[in-house]
Amino acid sequence: MLRVNDTPLEFEAGMTVRDILRRRNYVWRMIAVYVNGELVPRTTYDTRQVPDGADVKVIHQIAGG
């Protein structure tokens, strides 16, 4: 079981950051993803596997002013 923004998500072996984003329907282009407190580079979303029990934070980046 994973936690994505404090909400449970069923774990599957080999799951990547991109898989999590698709499952949770995160389509906003400007996001930051942290796995267990570590920032995941956008270029590795397709290959970065997420371990069972991970705490994943997805943060939408917005401009303000």
N, C-alpha and C. Protein backbone atom coordinates (compact mmCIF):
# COMPACT_ATOMS: atom_id res chain seq x y z
N MET A 1 0.84 -1.17 0.00
CA MET A 1 0.00 0.00 0.00
C MET A 1 0.89 1.24 0.00
N LEU A 2 0.55 2.20 -0.85
CA LEU A 2 1.24 3.48 -0.91
C LEU A 2 0.34 4.55 -0.32
N ARG A 3 0.93 5.69 -0.02
CA ARG A 3 0.13 6.86 0.36
C ARG A 3 0.50 7.97 -0.62
N VAL A 4 -0.50 8.47 -1.32
CA VAL A 4 -0.31 9.55 -2.28
C VAL A 4 -1.09 10.75 -1.76
N ASN A 5 -0.35 11.77 -1.36
CA ASN A 5 -0.98 12.94 -0.73
C ASN A 5 -1.92 12.51 0.40
N ASP A 6 -1.43 11.59 1.21
CA ASP A 6 -2.12 11.09 2.39
C ASP A 6 -3.36 10.25 2.09
N THR A 7 -3.51 9.79 0.85
CA THR A 7 -4.62 8.92 0.48
C THR A 7 -4.05 7.57 0.05
N PRO A 8 -4.60 6.46 0.54
CA PRO A 8 -4.06 5.14 0.19
C PRO A 8 -4.21 4.83 -1.30
N LEU A 9 -3.22 4.11 -1.84
CA LEU A 9 -3.26 3.62 -3.22
C LEU A 9 -2.67 2.22 -3.20
N GLU A 10 -3.38 1.28 -3.81
CA GLU A 10 -2.92 -0.11 -3.86
C GLU A 10 -1.59 -0.21 -4.59
N PHE A 11 -0.64 -0.89 -4.01
CA PHE A 11 0.69 -1.07 -4.59
C PHE A 11 0.68 -2.21 -5.59
N GLU A 12 1.43 -2.04 -6.68
CA GLU A 12 1.69 -3.11 -7.64
C GLU A 12 3.19 -3.14 -7.92
N ALA A 13 3.75 -4.32 -7.96
CA ALA A 13 5.19 -4.46 -8.22
C ALA A 13 5.56 -3.79 -9.54
N GLY A 14 6.66 -3.05 -9.54
CA GLY A 14 7.14 -2.39 -10.74
C GLY A 14 6.49 -1.04 -11.00
N MET A 15 5.63 -0.59 -10.10
CA MET A 15 4.92 0.68 -10.28
C MET A 15 5.91 1.84 -10.34
N THR A 16 5.71 2.72 -11.33
CA THR A 16 6.57 3.89 -11.49
C THR A 16 5.82 5.16 -11.07
N VAL A 17 6.57 6.23 -10.97
CA VAL A 17 5.96 7.53 -10.66
C VAL A 17 4.90 7.85 -11.71
N ARG A 18 5.19 7.63 -12.99
CA ARG A 18 4.23 7.90 -14.06
C ARG A 18 2.95 7.09 -13.86
N ASP A 19 3.06 5.83 -13.43
CA ASP A 19 1.88 5.00 -13.17
C ASP A 19 1.00 5.63 -12.10
N ILE A 20 1.62 6.13 -11.06
CA ILE A 20 0.87 6.76 -9.97
C ILE A 20 0.16 8.01 -10.47
N LEU A 21 0.86 8.82 -11.24
CA LEU A 21 0.26 10.04 -11.76
C LEU A 21 -0.95 9.72 -12.64
N ARG A 22 -0.84 8.70 -13.45
CA ARG A 22 -1.97 8.30 -14.32
C ARG A 22 -3.15 7.79 -13.49
N ARG A 23 -2.85 6.96 -12.52
CA ARG A 23 -3.94 6.40 -11.69
C ARG A 23 -4.70 7.48 -10.92
N ARG A 24 -3.98 8.47 -10.48
CA ARG A 24 -4.61 9.55 -9.72
C ARG A 24 -5.05 10.71 -10.61
N ASN A 25 -4.87 10.54 -11.92
CA ASN A 25 -5.30 11.53 -12.90
C ASN A 25 -4.67 12.90 -12.70
N TYR A 26 -3.39 12.90 -12.38
CA TYR A 26 -2.63 14.15 -12.30
C TYR A 26 -2.18 14.50 -13.70
N VAL A 27 -2.83 15.48 -14.31
CA VAL A 27 -2.52 15.85 -15.68
C VAL A 27 -1.88 17.23 -15.78
N TRP A 28 -1.86 17.97 -14.69
CA TRP A 28 -1.25 19.29 -14.69
C TRP A 28 0.23 19.13 -15.01
N ARG A 29 0.74 19.91 -15.95
CA ARG A 29 2.13 19.77 -16.40
C ARG A 29 3.14 20.19 -15.34
N MET A 30 2.83 21.21 -14.61
CA MET A 30 3.77 21.76 -13.63
C MET A 30 3.52 21.15 -12.25
N ILE A 31 4.15 20.02 -12.00
CA ILE A 31 4.04 19.38 -10.69
C ILE A 31 5.44 19.01 -10.20
N ALA A 32 5.51 18.82 -8.90
CA ALA A 32 6.72 18.28 -8.27
C ALA A 32 6.30 17.01 -7.56
N VAL A 33 7.11 15.97 -7.68
CA VAL A 33 6.80 14.69 -7.04
C VAL A 33 7.93 14.34 -6.08
N TYR A 34 7.54 13.99 -4.87
CA TYR A 34 8.49 13.55 -3.85
C TYR A 34 8.13 12.12 -3.44
N VAL A 35 9.12 11.27 -3.36
CA VAL A 35 8.93 9.90 -2.86
C VAL A 35 9.76 9.77 -1.60
N ASN A 36 9.09 9.53 -0.49
CA ASN A 36 9.75 9.44 0.81
C ASN A 36 10.64 10.65 1.08
N GLY A 37 10.14 11.82 0.70
CA GLY A 37 10.84 13.07 0.98
C GLY A 37 11.89 13.47 -0.03
N GLU A 38 12.13 12.64 -1.03
CA GLU A 38 13.16 12.92 -2.05
C GLU A 38 12.49 13.39 -3.34
N LEU A 39 12.93 14.55 -3.85
CA LEU A 39 12.40 15.08 -5.10
C LEU A 39 12.79 14.15 -6.25
N VAL A 40 11.80 13.79 -7.06
CA VAL A 40 12.03 12.91 -8.20
C VAL A 40 12.16 13.78 -9.45
N PRO A 41 13.29 13.71 -10.16
CA PRO A 41 13.44 14.49 -11.40
C PRO A 41 12.38 14.08 -12.43
N ARG A 42 11.79 15.06 -13.08
CA ARG A 42 10.74 14.82 -14.08
C ARG A 42 11.21 13.83 -15.16
N THR A 43 12.48 13.88 -15.51
CA THR A 43 13.00 13.01 -16.57
C THR A 43 13.01 11.53 -16.18
N THR A 44 12.78 11.23 -14.90
CA THR A 44 12.80 9.84 -14.45
C THR A 44 11.42 9.30 -14.08
N TYR A 45 10.36 10.07 -14.32
CA TYR A 45 9.00 9.62 -13.95
C TYR A 45 8.65 8.27 -14.57
N ASP A 46 9.08 8.03 -15.81
CA ASP A 46 8.73 6.78 -16.50
C ASP A 46 9.52 5.58 -16.01
N THR A 47 10.67 5.81 -15.38
CA THR A 47 11.52 4.70 -14.96
C THR A 47 11.68 4.57 -13.45
N ARG A 48 11.39 5.61 -12.71
CA ARG A 48 11.58 5.59 -11.25
C ARG A 48 10.51 4.74 -10.60
N GLN A 49 10.92 3.57 -10.10
CA GLN A 49 9.99 2.68 -9.42
C GLN A 49 9.77 3.16 -7.99
N VAL A 50 8.56 2.95 -7.52
CA VAL A 50 8.17 3.38 -6.18
C VAL A 50 8.02 2.13 -5.31
N PRO A 51 8.69 2.10 -4.15
CA PRO A 51 8.62 0.90 -3.31
C PRO A 51 7.30 0.82 -2.54
N ASP A 52 6.94 -0.39 -2.19
CA ASP A 52 5.76 -0.62 -1.37
C ASP A 52 5.92 0.15 -0.06
N GLY A 53 4.86 0.78 0.39
CA GLY A 53 4.88 1.52 1.65
C GLY A 53 5.37 2.95 1.51
N ALA A 54 5.67 3.38 0.29
CA ALA A 54 6.21 4.73 0.07
C ALA A 54 5.18 5.80 0.38
N ASP A 55 5.69 6.94 0.79
CA ASP A 55 4.88 8.15 0.98
C ASP A 55 5.19 9.07 -0.21
N VAL A 56 4.18 9.28 -1.05
CA VAL A 56 4.35 10.06 -2.28
C VAL A 56 3.59 11.37 -2.12
N LYS A 57 4.25 12.46 -2.43
CA LYS A 57 3.62 13.78 -2.42
C LYS A 57 3.66 14.33 -3.83
N VAL A 58 2.51 14.76 -4.33
CA VAL A 58 2.42 15.41 -5.63
C VAL A 58 1.94 16.82 -5.38
N ILE A 59 2.75 17.77 -5.80
CA ILE A 59 2.46 19.17 -5.51
C ILE A 59 2.31 19.93 -6.82
N HIS A 60 1.15 20.56 -6.99
CA HIS A 60 0.93 21.42 -8.17
C HIS A 60 1.67 22.72 -7.98
N GLN A 61 2.43 23.10 -8.98
CA GLN A 61 3.15 24.37 -8.95
C GLN A 61 2.31 25.38 -9.71
N ILE A 62 2.04 26.52 -9.05
CA ILE A 62 1.27 27.57 -9.70
C ILE A 62 1.99 28.90 -9.53
N ALA A 63 1.76 29.77 -10.46
CA ALA A 63 2.35 31.10 -10.38
C ALA A 63 1.40 32.02 -9.62
N GLY A 64 1.94 32.93 -8.92
CA GLY A 64 1.11 33.86 -8.17
C GLY A 64 1.59 35.28 -8.39
N GLY A 65 0.89 36.16 -7.80
CA GLY A 65 1.34 37.53 -7.96
C GLY A 65 0.34 38.52 -7.43
